Amino acid sequence: MVTQLDTKMFLTIDDVAALMDVSKPTVQSWLADHSLRAFRKDRTVRVSRKALETFISEHPW
């Protein structure tokens, strides 16, 4: 079953936390130390699907 979250190109911090099954502060720490790349759109932070895939490939656990 494909959900809307699976097809979004740009993800919010909450989306990334849900996909990675981690807390929102964990995602924020990844953003703060620049291990996960993001950009600002208006007042929100967005992570591209490609940036998340790169992060996952560089940080296997």
N, C-alpha and C. Protein backbone atom coordinates (compact mmCIF):
# COMPACT_ATOMS: atom_id res chain seq x y z
N MET A 1 0.84 -1.19 0.00
CA MET A 1 0.00 0.00 0.00
C MET A 1 0.89 1.25 0.00
N VAL A 2 0.67 2.13 -0.93
CA VAL A 2 1.43 3.37 -1.04
C VAL A 2 0.65 4.49 -0.36
N THR A 3 1.32 5.18 0.56
CA THR A 3 0.68 6.30 1.24
C THR A 3 1.16 7.61 0.63
N GLN A 4 0.53 8.69 1.01
CA GLN A 4 0.94 10.00 0.52
C GLN A 4 2.36 10.32 0.98
N LEU A 5 2.72 9.88 2.17
CA LEU A 5 4.06 10.12 2.70
C LEU A 5 5.12 9.44 1.85
N ASP A 6 4.80 8.32 1.26
CA ASP A 6 5.75 7.58 0.41
C ASP A 6 6.00 8.28 -0.92
N THR A 7 5.11 9.15 -1.34
CA THR A 7 5.24 9.77 -2.65
C THR A 7 5.62 11.25 -2.60
N LYS A 8 5.69 11.83 -1.41
CA LYS A 8 6.04 13.24 -1.29
C LYS A 8 7.50 13.46 -1.68
N MET A 9 7.77 14.50 -2.45
CA MET A 9 9.14 14.83 -2.85
C MET A 9 9.88 15.60 -1.77
N PHE A 10 9.16 16.45 -1.05
CA PHE A 10 9.76 17.27 0.00
C PHE A 10 9.05 16.97 1.31
N LEU A 11 9.84 16.66 2.33
CA LEU A 11 9.31 16.17 3.59
C LEU A 11 9.52 17.18 4.71
N THR A 12 8.60 17.21 5.64
CA THR A 12 8.76 18.03 6.85
C THR A 12 9.58 17.23 7.87
N ILE A 13 9.95 17.89 8.95
CA ILE A 13 10.67 17.20 10.02
C ILE A 13 9.80 16.07 10.58
N ASP A 14 8.51 16.32 10.74
CA ASP A 14 7.60 15.29 11.23
C ASP A 14 7.54 14.10 10.27
N ASP A 15 7.53 14.38 8.97
CA ASP A 15 7.51 13.31 7.97
C ASP A 15 8.76 12.44 8.08
N VAL A 16 9.92 13.08 8.19
CA VAL A 16 11.18 12.35 8.29
C VAL A 16 11.19 11.50 9.56
N ALA A 17 10.74 12.08 10.66
CA ALA A 17 10.69 11.34 11.92
C ALA A 17 9.80 10.11 11.79
N ALA A 18 8.66 10.26 11.13
CA ALA A 18 7.74 9.12 10.95
C ALA A 18 8.35 8.05 10.05
N LEU A 19 8.97 8.46 8.96
CA LEU A 19 9.57 7.50 8.03
C LEU A 19 10.75 6.75 8.66
N MET A 20 11.54 7.46 9.47
CA MET A 20 12.73 6.87 10.07
C MET A 20 12.44 6.21 11.42
N ASP A 21 11.22 6.38 11.91
CA ASP A 21 10.80 5.84 13.20
C ASP A 21 11.70 6.34 14.33
N VAL A 22 11.93 7.66 14.34
CA VAL A 22 12.70 8.32 15.39
C VAL A 22 11.90 9.52 15.87
N SER A 23 12.40 10.17 16.91
CA SER A 23 11.71 11.35 17.43
C SER A 23 12.05 12.59 16.62
N LYS A 24 11.22 13.59 16.76
CA LYS A 24 11.45 14.87 16.09
C LYS A 24 12.76 15.50 16.54
N PRO A 25 13.11 15.48 17.85
CA PRO A 25 14.41 16.03 18.27
C PRO A 25 15.61 15.32 17.63
N THR A 26 15.47 14.03 17.35
CA THR A 26 16.56 13.31 16.68
C THR A 26 16.77 13.86 15.28
N VAL A 27 15.70 14.08 14.55
CA VAL A 27 15.80 14.65 13.20
C VAL A 27 16.39 16.05 13.29
N GLN A 28 15.96 16.83 14.26
CA GLN A 28 16.49 18.18 14.42
C GLN A 28 17.99 18.16 14.72
N SER A 29 18.46 17.17 15.47
CA SER A 29 19.90 17.08 15.74
C SER A 29 20.67 16.72 14.47
N TRP A 30 20.09 15.88 13.62
CA TRP A 30 20.73 15.56 12.34
C TRP A 30 20.84 16.81 11.48
N LEU A 31 19.80 17.63 11.51
CA LEU A 31 19.82 18.88 10.75
C LEU A 31 20.84 19.86 11.33
N ALA A 32 20.91 19.92 12.64
CA ALA A 32 21.82 20.86 13.31
C ALA A 32 23.28 20.54 13.03
N ASP A 33 23.61 19.25 12.97
CA ASP A 33 25.01 18.88 12.71
C ASP A 33 25.30 18.68 11.21
N HIS A 34 24.32 19.02 10.40
CA HIS A 34 24.44 19.01 8.93
C HIS A 34 24.66 17.61 8.34
N SER A 35 24.34 16.58 9.08
CA SER A 35 24.43 15.25 8.49
C SER A 35 23.22 14.98 7.58
N LEU A 36 22.12 15.67 7.83
CA LEU A 36 20.94 15.62 6.96
C LEU A 36 20.72 17.02 6.41
N ARG A 37 20.72 17.12 5.10
CA ARG A 37 20.59 18.44 4.45
C ARG A 37 19.12 18.81 4.29
N ALA A 38 18.85 20.10 4.45
CA ALA A 38 17.48 20.60 4.33
C ALA A 38 17.51 22.04 3.83
N PHE A 39 16.34 22.57 3.57
CA PHE A 39 16.23 23.97 3.17
C PHE A 39 14.96 24.54 3.79
N ARG A 40 14.90 25.86 3.83
CA ARG A 40 13.73 26.54 4.38
C ARG A 40 12.80 26.94 3.25
N LYS A 41 11.53 26.71 3.45
CA LYS A 41 10.48 27.18 2.54
C LYS A 41 9.52 27.96 3.40
N ASP A 42 9.50 29.26 3.19
CA ASP A 42 8.72 30.16 4.03
C ASP A 42 9.18 29.98 5.49
N ARG A 43 8.31 29.47 6.34
CA ARG A 43 8.68 29.31 7.75
C ARG A 43 8.93 27.86 8.13
N THR A 44 8.96 26.98 7.16
CA THR A 44 9.13 25.56 7.47
C THR A 44 10.44 25.03 6.91
N VAL A 45 10.90 23.95 7.48
CA VAL A 45 12.10 23.26 7.01
C VAL A 45 11.63 22.08 6.17
N ARG A 46 12.26 21.90 5.04
CA ARG A 46 11.92 20.78 4.15
C ARG A 46 13.17 19.96 3.84
N VAL A 47 12.99 18.68 3.75
CA VAL A 47 14.06 17.75 3.38
C VAL A 47 13.64 17.08 2.09
N SER A 48 14.50 17.11 1.09
CA SER A 48 14.14 16.46 -0.16
C SER A 48 14.25 14.94 0.02
N ARG A 49 13.49 14.24 -0.77
CA ARG A 49 13.53 12.77 -0.72
C ARG A 49 14.96 12.29 -1.03
N LYS A 50 15.62 12.95 -1.99
CA LYS A 50 16.98 12.57 -2.36
C LYS A 50 17.95 12.78 -1.20
N ALA A 51 17.82 13.89 -0.46
CA ALA A 51 18.68 14.15 0.69
C ALA A 51 18.48 13.08 1.76
N LEU A 52 17.24 12.66 1.96
CA LEU A 52 16.97 11.61 2.94
C LEU A 52 17.58 10.28 2.49
N GLU A 53 17.46 9.95 1.22
CA GLU A 53 18.05 8.71 0.70
C GLU A 53 19.57 8.74 0.83
N THR A 54 20.19 9.89 0.57
CA THR A 54 21.63 10.03 0.74
C THR A 54 22.01 9.84 2.20
N PHE A 55 21.28 10.45 3.09
CA PHE A 55 21.53 10.32 4.53
C PHE A 55 21.47 8.85 4.94
N ILE A 56 20.46 8.15 4.48
CA ILE A 56 20.28 6.74 4.84
C ILE A 56 21.45 5.90 4.32
N SER A 57 21.88 6.16 3.10
CA SER A 57 22.98 5.37 2.53
C SER A 57 24.31 5.66 3.22
N GLU A 58 24.48 6.89 3.73
CA GLU A 58 25.73 7.26 4.39
C GLU A 58 25.75 6.90 5.88
N HIS A 59 24.60 6.62 6.45
CA HIS A 59 24.49 6.34 7.89
C HIS A 59 23.71 5.04 8.14
N PRO A 60 24.24 3.92 7.71
CA PRO A 60 23.51 2.66 7.98
C PRO A 60 23.60 2.29 9.45
N TRP A 61 22.52 1.79 9.99
CA TRP A 61 22.55 1.31 11.37
C TRP A 61 21.74 0.08 11.54
